[in-house]
Amino acid sequence: MSLEITCRSTDGIEILDLNGQLTFGQGDLDFRRELGGLVKAGNIRIALNFGDLRKLDTTGLGTLLFALAKLRKAGGNLAIFNVKRTHIELLTEARLEAVFEMFQDEQDAINSFFPDREVKRFDILEFIESRNVKSLNPASGVGKSG
């Protein structure tokens, strides 16, 4: 399965609902083509909905970096929302968690493009700390005496 992209607009922000896989191959090519068309049309404020993105690989991460650079060069920006645990894990493994602006929901992602609106960003530090606490959990057998 490749990547299905549904594009819609809210408050002047282009929202791309990604469904499928942003991986090496057709998904990567489809995303780049969609992004190129948006930038060419002057739509440079883009929010990506990862809610139905089932797979993201290192090629997909490279594509996201490419998109971010292209949008910023054009004077725009990129926001990501509805991020899943597996996406966060890949971002942290690649040391890219601080590169992208991530949000819990669509409204916060949209609000991030407007300086006068309140925004709640995805707390990546909280996620990492919760993962570290789980790895030290006594139920895992660490620290138990026999």
N, C-alpha and C. Protein backbone atom coordinates (compact mmCIF):
# COMPACT_ATOMS: atom_id res chain seq x y z
N MET A 1 0.85 -1.19 0.00
CA MET A 1 0.00 0.00 0.00
C MET A 1 0.88 1.24 0.00
N SER A 2 0.52 2.19 -0.81
CA SER A 2 1.30 3.42 -0.83
C SER A 2 0.62 4.47 0.05
N LEU A 3 0.73 5.70 -0.34
CA LEU A 3 0.24 6.81 0.47
C LEU A 3 -0.92 7.51 -0.22
N GLU A 4 -2.01 7.64 0.48
CA GLU A 4 -3.16 8.41 0.00
C GLU A 4 -3.12 9.76 0.71
N ILE A 5 -3.21 10.83 -0.05
CA ILE A 5 -3.13 12.19 0.50
C ILE A 5 -4.42 12.93 0.20
N THR A 6 -5.08 13.39 1.24
CA THR A 6 -6.27 14.21 1.09
C THR A 6 -5.91 15.61 1.55
N CYS A 7 -6.15 16.58 0.69
CA CYS A 7 -5.78 17.96 0.98
C CYS A 7 -7.04 18.77 1.25
N ARG A 8 -7.03 19.54 2.31
CA ARG A 8 -8.14 20.43 2.64
C ARG A 8 -7.56 21.69 3.28
N SER A 9 -8.37 22.72 3.38
CA SER A 9 -7.89 23.99 3.91
C SER A 9 -8.76 24.45 5.06
N THR A 10 -8.10 24.93 6.13
CA THR A 10 -8.79 25.51 7.29
C THR A 10 -8.02 26.74 7.72
N ASP A 11 -8.71 27.86 7.82
CA ASP A 11 -8.09 29.14 8.23
C ASP A 11 -6.88 29.49 7.37
N GLY A 12 -6.89 29.12 6.11
CA GLY A 12 -5.77 29.43 5.23
C GLY A 12 -4.58 28.49 5.38
N ILE A 13 -4.73 27.45 6.18
CA ILE A 13 -3.68 26.45 6.38
C ILE A 13 -4.07 25.21 5.57
N GLU A 14 -3.13 24.72 4.77
CA GLU A 14 -3.38 23.49 4.02
C GLU A 14 -3.12 22.30 4.93
N ILE A 15 -4.11 21.45 5.05
CA ILE A 15 -4.00 20.26 5.90
C ILE A 15 -3.95 19.04 4.98
N LEU A 16 -2.90 18.25 5.15
CA LEU A 16 -2.75 17.03 4.38
C LEU A 16 -3.00 15.85 5.32
N ASP A 17 -4.08 15.13 5.04
CA ASP A 17 -4.38 13.91 5.78
C ASP A 17 -3.64 12.78 5.08
N LEU A 18 -2.70 12.18 5.78
CA LEU A 18 -1.88 11.11 5.20
C LEU A 18 -2.43 9.76 5.64
N ASN A 19 -2.71 8.90 4.66
CA ASN A 19 -3.26 7.59 4.95
C ASN A 19 -2.40 6.54 4.23
N GLY A 20 -1.75 5.69 4.99
CA GLY A 20 -0.92 4.64 4.39
C GLY A 20 0.51 4.72 4.88
N GLN A 21 1.45 4.74 3.92
CA GLN A 21 2.87 4.65 4.25
C GLN A 21 3.66 5.78 3.59
N LEU A 22 4.42 6.48 4.42
CA LEU A 22 5.37 7.46 3.90
C LEU A 22 6.74 6.79 4.00
N THR A 23 7.03 6.01 2.96
CA THR A 23 8.22 5.18 2.94
C THR A 23 8.89 5.28 1.57
N PHE A 24 10.04 4.65 1.44
CA PHE A 24 10.76 4.63 0.18
C PHE A 24 9.85 4.10 -0.92
N GLY A 25 9.79 4.81 -2.03
CA GLY A 25 8.99 4.34 -3.16
C GLY A 25 7.89 5.32 -3.52
N GLN A 26 6.75 4.77 -3.87
CA GLN A 26 5.65 5.58 -4.39
C GLN A 26 5.12 6.58 -3.36
N GLY A 27 5.03 6.21 -2.10
CA GLY A 27 4.54 7.12 -1.07
C GLY A 27 5.40 8.37 -0.97
N ASP A 28 6.69 8.18 -0.99
CA ASP A 28 7.64 9.29 -0.95
C ASP A 28 7.46 10.20 -2.17
N LEU A 29 7.34 9.60 -3.34
CA LEU A 29 7.18 10.36 -4.58
C LEU A 29 5.86 11.12 -4.60
N ASP A 30 4.79 10.47 -4.16
CA ASP A 30 3.48 11.12 -4.13
C ASP A 30 3.48 12.33 -3.20
N PHE A 31 4.11 12.18 -2.05
CA PHE A 31 4.16 13.29 -1.09
C PHE A 31 4.95 14.47 -1.67
N ARG A 32 6.10 14.19 -2.25
CA ARG A 32 6.91 15.26 -2.85
C ARG A 32 6.15 15.98 -3.97
N ARG A 33 5.43 15.23 -4.76
CA ARG A 33 4.66 15.83 -5.87
C ARG A 33 3.55 16.73 -5.31
N GLU A 34 2.84 16.26 -4.29
CA GLU A 34 1.77 17.04 -3.67
C GLU A 34 2.34 18.32 -3.06
N LEU A 35 3.43 18.19 -2.34
CA LEU A 35 4.06 19.36 -1.71
C LEU A 35 4.52 20.36 -2.77
N GLY A 36 5.14 19.87 -3.82
CA GLY A 36 5.60 20.75 -4.89
C GLY A 36 4.45 21.55 -5.49
N GLY A 37 3.32 20.90 -5.70
CA GLY A 37 2.15 21.58 -6.24
C GLY A 37 1.62 22.64 -5.31
N LEU A 38 1.62 22.35 -4.02
CA LEU A 38 1.14 23.33 -3.04
C LEU A 38 2.04 24.55 -2.99
N VAL A 39 3.34 24.32 -2.94
CA VAL A 39 4.29 25.43 -2.87
C VAL A 39 4.21 26.27 -4.14
N LYS A 40 4.11 25.62 -5.26
CA LYS A 40 4.01 26.33 -6.54
C LYS A 40 2.76 27.22 -6.58
N ALA A 41 1.69 26.77 -5.94
CA ALA A 41 0.44 27.53 -5.87
C ALA A 41 0.46 28.59 -4.77
N GLY A 42 1.57 28.67 -4.02
CA GLY A 42 1.70 29.67 -2.96
C GLY A 42 1.17 29.23 -1.61
N ASN A 43 0.85 27.95 -1.47
CA ASN A 43 0.37 27.41 -0.19
C ASN A 43 1.57 26.89 0.58
N ILE A 44 2.07 27.70 1.50
CA ILE A 44 3.32 27.38 2.18
C ILE A 44 3.16 27.17 3.69
N ARG A 45 1.92 27.18 4.16
CA ARG A 45 1.65 26.88 5.57
C ARG A 45 0.88 25.56 5.58
N ILE A 46 1.58 24.50 5.99
CA ILE A 46 1.04 23.15 5.84
C ILE A 46 1.08 22.40 7.17
N ALA A 47 -0.03 21.72 7.46
CA ALA A 47 -0.13 20.85 8.63
C ALA A 47 -0.36 19.43 8.14
N LEU A 48 0.40 18.51 8.68
CA LEU A 48 0.30 17.09 8.30
C LEU A 48 -0.42 16.31 9.38
N ASN A 49 -1.47 15.60 8.99
CA ASN A 49 -2.21 14.74 9.91
C ASN A 49 -1.66 13.33 9.81
N PHE A 50 -0.99 12.88 10.87
CA PHE A 50 -0.40 11.54 10.92
C PHE A 50 -1.35 10.50 11.49
N GLY A 51 -2.61 10.86 11.73
CA GLY A 51 -3.56 9.96 12.37
C GLY A 51 -3.71 8.61 11.68
N ASP A 52 -3.69 8.61 10.35
CA ASP A 52 -3.84 7.36 9.60
C ASP A 52 -2.56 6.96 8.87
N LEU A 53 -1.45 7.56 9.28
CA LEU A 53 -0.16 7.18 8.70
C LEU A 53 0.31 5.92 9.42
N ARG A 54 0.26 4.80 8.71
CA ARG A 54 0.57 3.52 9.34
C ARG A 54 2.05 3.21 9.41
N LYS A 55 2.82 3.75 8.47
CA LYS A 55 4.25 3.43 8.48
C LYS A 55 5.05 4.64 8.02
N LEU A 56 6.14 4.89 8.74
CA LEU A 56 7.08 5.96 8.42
C LEU A 56 8.47 5.36 8.56
N ASP A 57 9.31 5.51 7.53
CA ASP A 57 10.66 4.99 7.61
C ASP A 57 11.67 6.13 7.45
N THR A 58 12.94 5.79 7.38
CA THR A 58 13.97 6.82 7.30
C THR A 58 13.87 7.63 6.00
N THR A 59 13.42 7.01 4.93
CA THR A 59 13.19 7.77 3.70
C THR A 59 12.07 8.78 3.91
N GLY A 60 11.04 8.35 4.61
CA GLY A 60 9.94 9.26 4.94
C GLY A 60 10.41 10.42 5.80
N LEU A 61 11.31 10.14 6.75
CA LEU A 61 11.88 11.23 7.56
C LEU A 61 12.66 12.20 6.68
N GLY A 62 13.42 11.67 5.74
CA GLY A 62 14.16 12.52 4.81
C GLY A 62 13.21 13.38 3.99
N THR A 63 12.10 12.81 3.59
CA THR A 63 11.10 13.54 2.82
C THR A 63 10.50 14.66 3.66
N LEU A 64 10.27 14.39 4.95
CA LEU A 64 9.74 15.43 5.84
C LEU A 64 10.76 16.56 6.03
N LEU A 65 12.04 16.19 6.15
CA LEU A 65 13.09 17.22 6.26
C LEU A 65 13.14 18.07 4.99
N PHE A 66 13.04 17.42 3.84
CA PHE A 66 12.99 18.11 2.56
C PHE A 66 11.81 19.07 2.52
N ALA A 67 10.63 18.61 2.95
CA ALA A 67 9.42 19.43 2.95
C ALA A 67 9.59 20.65 3.86
N LEU A 68 10.13 20.42 5.05
CA LEU A 68 10.34 21.52 5.99
C LEU A 68 11.28 22.57 5.41
N ALA A 69 12.38 22.12 4.82
CA ALA A 69 13.34 23.06 4.23
C ALA A 69 12.72 23.83 3.07
N LYS A 70 11.97 23.14 2.23
CA LYS A 70 11.34 23.78 1.07
C LYS A 70 10.32 24.83 1.52
N LEU A 71 9.53 24.49 2.51
CA LEU A 71 8.52 25.42 3.00
C LEU A 71 9.15 26.64 3.68
N ARG A 72 10.16 26.41 4.49
CA ARG A 72 10.83 27.53 5.17
C ARG A 72 11.53 28.44 4.17
N LYS A 73 12.13 27.86 3.15
CA LYS A 73 12.79 28.66 2.12
C LYS A 73 11.77 29.56 1.41
N ALA A 74 10.54 29.07 1.27
CA ALA A 74 9.48 29.85 0.63
C ALA A 74 8.78 30.81 1.60
N GLY A 75 9.21 30.79 2.88
CA GLY A 75 8.61 31.68 3.88
C GLY A 75 7.49 31.05 4.68
N GLY A 76 7.32 29.75 4.55
CA GLY A 76 6.25 29.05 5.25
C GLY A 76 6.77 28.18 6.36
N ASN A 77 5.95 27.21 6.75
CA ASN A 77 6.34 26.30 7.82
C ASN A 77 5.50 25.03 7.73
N LEU A 78 5.88 24.06 8.56
CA LEU A 78 5.25 22.75 8.59
C LEU A 78 4.92 22.40 10.04
N ALA A 79 3.71 21.91 10.26
CA ALA A 79 3.29 21.42 11.57
C ALA A 79 2.79 19.99 11.39
N ILE A 80 3.01 19.17 12.40
CA ILE A 80 2.59 17.77 12.36
C ILE A 80 1.69 17.51 13.57
N PHE A 81 0.57 16.81 13.34
CA PHE A 81 -0.31 16.49 14.47
C PHE A 81 -0.82 15.05 14.37
N ASN A 82 -1.42 14.59 15.47
CA ASN A 82 -1.89 13.20 15.60
C ASN A 82 -0.73 12.22 15.42
N VAL A 83 0.36 12.51 16.09
CA VAL A 83 1.56 11.68 15.98
C VAL A 83 1.40 10.44 16.86
N LYS A 84 1.77 9.30 16.31
CA LYS A 84 1.68 8.03 17.05
C LYS A 84 3.01 7.72 17.73
N ARG A 85 2.94 6.82 18.67
CA ARG A 85 4.12 6.40 19.44
C ARG A 85 5.24 5.91 18.52
N THR A 86 4.92 5.13 17.50
CA THR A 86 5.96 4.61 16.61
C THR A 86 6.64 5.74 15.83
N HIS A 87 5.88 6.77 15.47
CA HIS A 87 6.47 7.92 14.77
C HIS A 87 7.44 8.66 15.69
N ILE A 88 7.03 8.86 16.93
CA ILE A 88 7.88 9.55 17.91
C ILE A 88 9.16 8.76 18.15
N GLU A 89 9.02 7.45 18.27
CA GLU A 89 10.20 6.61 18.51
C GLU A 89 11.20 6.72 17.36
N LEU A 90 10.70 6.71 16.12
CA LEU A 90 11.58 6.86 14.97
C LEU A 90 12.25 8.23 14.97
N LEU A 91 11.49 9.27 15.27
CA LEU A 91 12.06 10.63 15.33
C LEU A 91 13.14 10.74 16.41
N THR A 92 12.90 10.16 17.57
CA THR A 92 13.90 10.25 18.65
C THR A 92 15.13 9.41 18.33
N GLU A 93 14.94 8.25 17.71
CA GLU A 93 16.09 7.43 17.33
C GLU A 93 16.96 8.15 16.31
N ALA A 94 16.32 8.92 15.44
CA ALA A 94 17.06 9.67 14.41
C ALA A 94 17.53 11.03 14.93
N ARG A 95 17.22 11.33 16.20
CA ARG A 95 17.59 12.60 16.83
C ARG A 95 16.97 13.80 16.11
N LEU A 96 15.73 13.63 15.65
CA LEU A 96 15.03 14.69 14.91
C LEU A 96 13.81 15.21 15.67
N GLU A 97 13.65 14.80 16.92
CA GLU A 97 12.45 15.17 17.66
C GLU A 97 12.31 16.68 17.87
N ALA A 98 13.42 17.40 17.88
CA ALA A 98 13.35 18.85 18.09
C ALA A 98 13.27 19.64 16.78
N VAL A 99 13.39 18.96 15.66
CA VAL A 99 13.39 19.63 14.36
C VAL A 99 11.97 20.00 13.92
N PHE A 100 11.01 19.12 14.19
CA PHE A 100 9.64 19.32 13.73
C PHE A 100 8.76 19.85 14.84
N GLU A 101 7.80 20.70 14.46
CA GLU A 101 6.80 21.17 15.41
C GLU A 101 5.66 20.16 15.41
N MET A 102 5.42 19.56 16.58
CA MET A 102 4.41 18.51 16.69
C MET A 102 3.33 18.93 17.68
N PHE A 103 2.10 18.52 17.38
CA PHE A 103 0.95 18.92 18.18
C PHE A 103 0.03 17.73 18.39
N GLN A 104 -0.72 17.77 19.49
CA GLN A 104 -1.66 16.70 19.80
C GLN A 104 -2.78 16.64 18.79
N ASP A 105 -3.33 17.82 18.42
CA ASP A 105 -4.52 17.81 17.57
C ASP A 105 -4.45 18.86 16.48
N GLU A 106 -5.41 18.80 15.60
CA GLU A 106 -5.45 19.67 14.43
C GLU A 106 -5.54 21.15 14.80
N GLN A 107 -6.39 21.48 15.77
CA GLN A 107 -6.57 22.89 16.10
C GLN A 107 -5.28 23.52 16.62
N ASP A 108 -4.54 22.80 17.45
CA ASP A 108 -3.26 23.34 17.92
C ASP A 108 -2.27 23.51 16.77
N ALA A 109 -2.27 22.56 15.82
CA ALA A 109 -1.38 22.69 14.65
C ALA A 109 -1.75 23.93 13.84
N ILE A 110 -3.04 24.15 13.62
CA ILE A 110 -3.49 25.35 12.90
C ILE A 110 -3.12 26.60 13.66
N ASN A 111 -3.37 26.61 14.96
CA ASN A 111 -3.08 27.79 15.78
C ASN A 111 -1.60 28.15 15.78
N SER A 112 -0.73 27.16 15.55
CA SER A 112 0.71 27.42 15.58
C SER A 112 1.15 28.39 14.48
N PHE A 113 0.34 28.56 13.46
CA PHE A 113 0.67 29.49 12.38
C PHE A 113 0.25 30.92 12.68
N PHE A 114 -0.45 31.12 13.80
CA PHE A 114 -0.96 32.44 14.17
C PHE A 114 -0.36 32.86 15.51
N PRO A 115 0.51 33.87 15.53
CA PRO A 115 1.21 34.25 16.76
C PRO A 115 0.29 34.68 17.90
N ASP A 116 -0.91 35.14 17.60
CA ASP A 116 -1.80 35.63 18.65
C ASP A 116 -2.69 34.53 19.25
N ARG A 117 -2.57 33.31 18.78
CA ARG A 117 -3.40 32.21 19.28
C ARG A 117 -2.63 31.34 20.28
N GLU A 118 -3.37 30.82 21.23
CA GLU A 118 -2.78 29.92 22.22
C GLU A 118 -2.52 28.56 21.58
N VAL A 119 -1.36 27.99 21.87
CA VAL A 119 -0.95 26.73 21.26
C VAL A 119 -0.41 25.80 22.33
N LYS A 120 -0.84 24.55 22.27
CA LYS A 120 -0.26 23.52 23.14
C LYS A 120 0.53 22.57 22.25
N ARG A 121 1.85 22.60 22.40
CA ARG A 121 2.71 21.73 21.60
C ARG A 121 2.79 20.33 22.21
N PHE A 122 3.09 19.37 21.37
CA PHE A 122 3.30 18.00 21.83
C PHE A 122 4.53 18.00 22.73
N ASP A 123 4.41 17.42 23.91
CA ASP A 123 5.50 17.43 24.87
C ASP A 123 6.38 16.20 24.67
N ILE A 124 7.38 16.35 23.83
CA ILE A 124 8.28 15.24 23.50
C ILE A 124 9.08 14.80 24.73
N LEU A 125 9.46 15.75 25.57
CA LEU A 125 10.22 15.41 26.78
C LEU A 125 9.38 14.52 27.69
N GLU A 126 8.12 14.84 27.84
CA GLU A 126 7.23 14.02 28.65
C GLU A 126 7.13 12.60 28.09
N PHE A 127 7.06 12.49 26.76
CA PHE A 127 7.01 11.18 26.12
C PHE A 127 8.27 10.38 26.41
N ILE A 128 9.45 11.01 26.24
CA ILE A 128 10.72 10.33 26.46
C ILE A 128 10.87 9.91 27.92
N GLU A 129 10.49 10.81 28.83
CA GLU A 129 10.57 10.47 30.25
C GLU A 129 9.64 9.31 30.61
N SER A 130 8.44 9.29 30.04
CA SER A 130 7.51 8.20 30.34
C SER A 130 8.07 6.87 29.81
N ARG A 131 8.75 6.92 28.68
CA ARG A 131 9.36 5.72 28.12
C ARG A 131 10.50 5.24 29.01
N ASN A 132 11.30 6.18 29.55
CA ASN A 132 12.40 5.82 30.43
C ASN A 132 11.90 5.25 31.75
N VAL A 133 10.82 5.81 32.29
CA VAL A 133 10.25 5.32 33.53
C VAL A 133 9.75 3.89 33.34
N LYS A 134 9.10 3.62 32.21
CA LYS A 134 8.60 2.27 31.95
C LYS A 134 9.75 1.26 31.86
N SER A 135 10.91 1.70 31.33
CA SER A 135 12.03 0.77 31.22
C SER A 135 12.66 0.47 32.58
N LEU A 136 12.40 1.34 33.56
CA LEU A 136 12.94 1.12 34.91
C LEU A 136 11.89 0.56 35.86
N ASN A 137 10.74 0.23 35.36
CA ASN A 137 9.63 -0.26 36.16
C ASN A 137 10.02 -1.57 36.85
N PRO A 138 9.77 -1.66 38.18
CA PRO A 138 10.10 -2.89 38.89
C PRO A 138 9.41 -4.12 38.33
N ALA A 139 8.27 -3.95 37.69
CA ALA A 139 7.57 -5.10 37.12
C ALA A 139 8.38 -5.74 35.99
N SER A 140 9.35 -4.99 35.46
CA SER A 140 10.17 -5.52 34.38
C SER A 140 11.26 -6.47 34.88
N GLY A 141 11.39 -6.57 36.20
CA GLY A 141 12.39 -7.46 36.77
C GLY A 141 13.66 -6.74 37.19
N VAL A 142 13.80 -5.48 36.84
CA VAL A 142 14.98 -4.71 37.21
C VAL A 142 14.86 -4.35 38.69
N GLY A 143 15.89 -4.62 39.44
CA GLY A 143 15.94 -4.23 40.85
C GLY A 143 15.22 -5.20 41.78
N LYS A 144 14.67 -6.28 41.28
CA LYS A 144 14.00 -7.25 42.16
C LYS A 144 15.04 -8.14 42.82
N SER A 145 14.77 -8.44 44.05
CA SER A 145 15.68 -9.39 44.72
C SER A 145 15.06 -10.77 44.67
N GLY A 146 15.88 -11.78 44.60
CA GLY A 146 15.40 -13.12 44.38
C GLY A 146 15.28 -13.87 45.58
